[in-house]
């Protein structure tokens, strides 16, 4: 913006420096800052990590725990859920045969 006695008047956009500025300059930054090989290095590093983590790594005790059902981890959770489902089904008039059957199975497992 040139120093002039004309500061009160608007600047004509087409003759200002802003006319040469494109939105992509604000979004993408300077492409010269990124080395060409960076994309290949990132892809190779990610591929090696995934190969190790998904194929070569041995399972451990944490992996075994992740595979367990939540009902196996928390005692009484399945029974509490079934009781809640039983009450819901009663309110909505839905058949409870399967719920009653599973509750009976859980009772039999407790006795043994």
Protein backbone atom coordinates (compact mmCIF):
# COMPACT_ATOMS: atom_id res chain seq x y z
CA UNK A 1 0.00 0.00 0.00
CA UNK A 2 1.69 3.12 -1.17
CA UNK A 3 1.99 6.11 1.07
CA UNK A 4 -0.20 8.77 -0.44
CA UNK A 5 -2.46 11.61 0.48
CA UNK A 6 -5.26 9.43 -0.92
CA UNK A 7 -5.60 7.12 2.16
CA UNK A 8 -9.26 7.92 2.60
CA UNK A 9 -10.25 6.50 -0.79
CA UNK A 10 -10.69 2.74 -1.34
CA UNK A 11 -7.90 0.75 -2.98
CA UNK A 12 -8.72 -0.71 -6.36
CA UNK A 13 -8.50 -4.50 -5.96
CA UNK A 14 -7.36 -5.29 -9.50
CA UNK A 15 -4.28 -3.11 -9.12
CA UNK A 16 -3.40 -4.17 -5.57
CA UNK A 17 -1.06 -7.01 -4.52
CA UNK A 18 -4.08 -8.96 -3.25
CA UNK A 19 -5.24 -9.53 -6.83
CA UNK A 20 -2.30 -11.91 -7.37
CA UNK A 21 -2.97 -13.94 -4.21
CA UNK A 22 -4.82 -17.26 -4.64
CA UNK A 23 -6.67 -19.17 -1.93
CA UNK A 24 -4.49 -22.25 -2.48
CA UNK A 25 -1.52 -20.26 -1.13
CA UNK A 26 -3.30 -19.98 2.23
CA UNK A 27 -4.36 -23.63 2.33
CA UNK A 28 -1.36 -25.57 1.08
CA UNK A 29 1.70 -23.62 2.11
CA UNK A 30 4.89 -23.68 0.12
CA UNK A 31 5.41 -26.94 -1.79
CA UNK A 32 9.18 -26.39 -1.86
CA UNK A 33 9.33 -27.05 1.90
CA UNK A 34 8.54 -30.78 1.49
CA UNK A 35 11.25 -33.10 0.14
CA UNK A 36 10.09 -35.34 -2.72
CA UNK A 37 11.18 -38.49 -0.90
CA UNK A 38 9.08 -37.72 2.19
CA UNK A 39 5.95 -39.40 0.79
CA UNK A 40 7.85 -42.61 0.07
CA UNK A 41 9.51 -42.67 3.49
CA UNK A 42 6.20 -42.18 5.32
CA UNK A 43 4.49 -44.90 3.24
CA UNK A 44 7.37 -47.35 3.76
CA UNK A 45 7.50 -46.68 7.51
CA UNK A 46 3.76 -47.19 7.83
CA UNK A 47 3.91 -50.42 5.80
CA UNK A 48 6.75 -51.81 7.93
CA UNK A 49 4.90 -50.94 11.15
CA UNK A 50 1.68 -52.59 9.95
CA UNK A 51 3.57 -55.68 8.79
CA UNK A 52 5.18 -56.03 12.21
CA UNK A 53 2.08 -55.22 14.24
CA UNK A 54 -0.44 -57.28 12.26
CA UNK A 55 1.65 -60.22 11.02
CA UNK A 56 4.96 -60.77 12.80
CA UNK A 57 4.15 -59.81 16.38
CA UNK A 58 3.37 -62.65 18.80
CA UNK A 59 0.14 -62.46 20.76
CA UNK A 60 0.44 -61.68 24.45
CA UNK A 61 -1.83 -61.77 27.50
CA UNK A 62 -3.31 -58.36 26.68
CA UNK A 63 -4.43 -59.62 23.27
CA UNK A 64 -6.14 -62.55 24.97
CA UNK A 65 -7.96 -60.21 27.37
CA UNK A 66 -9.13 -58.01 24.51
CA UNK A 67 -10.76 -61.03 22.89
CA UNK A 68 -12.85 -61.86 25.97
CA UNK A 69 -16.52 -60.99 26.15
CA UNK A 70 -17.50 -58.25 28.57
CA UNK A 71 -19.74 -60.78 30.30
CA UNK A 72 -16.64 -62.91 31.03
CA UNK A 73 -14.85 -59.93 32.58
CA UNK A 74 -17.65 -58.59 34.83
CA UNK A 75 -19.55 -61.00 37.06
CA UNK A 76 -23.31 -60.54 37.03
CA UNK A 77 -23.39 -58.21 34.03
CA UNK A 78 -25.21 -60.63 31.73
CA UNK A 79 -27.80 -61.38 34.39
CA UNK A 80 -28.37 -57.65 35.02
CA UNK A 81 -28.78 -57.03 31.29
CA UNK A 82 -31.20 -59.92 30.95
CA UNK A 83 -33.28 -58.67 33.89
CA UNK A 84 -33.44 -55.22 32.30
CA UNK A 85 -34.41 -56.77 28.96
CA UNK A 86 -37.07 -58.87 30.71
CA UNK A 87 -38.65 -55.76 32.26
CA UNK A 88 -38.50 -53.90 28.93
CA UNK A 89 -40.12 -56.81 27.09
CA UNK A 90 -42.90 -56.98 29.70
CA UNK A 91 -43.67 -53.27 29.20
CA UNK A 92 -43.69 -53.58 25.41
CA UNK A 93 -45.54 -56.91 25.28
CA UNK A 94 -42.63 -58.78 23.68
CA UNK A 95 -42.13 -62.53 24.15
CA UNK A 96 -39.66 -63.35 26.95
CA UNK A 97 -39.12 -67.08 26.33
CA UNK A 98 -35.49 -66.70 25.23
CA UNK A 99 -34.69 -64.32 28.09
CA UNK A 100 -36.22 -66.66 30.67
CA UNK A 101 -34.36 -69.60 29.14
CA UNK A 102 -31.00 -67.79 29.35
CA UNK A 103 -31.69 -66.63 32.93
CA UNK A 104 -32.43 -70.23 33.88
CA UNK A 105 -29.14 -71.35 32.26
CA UNK A 106 -27.25 -68.77 34.31
CA UNK A 107 -28.96 -69.96 37.50
CA UNK A 108 -27.98 -73.55 36.69
CA UNK A 109 -24.36 -72.49 36.10
CA UNK A 110 -24.29 -70.75 39.50
CA UNK A 111 -25.52 -73.90 41.24
CA UNK A 112 -22.79 -76.03 39.65
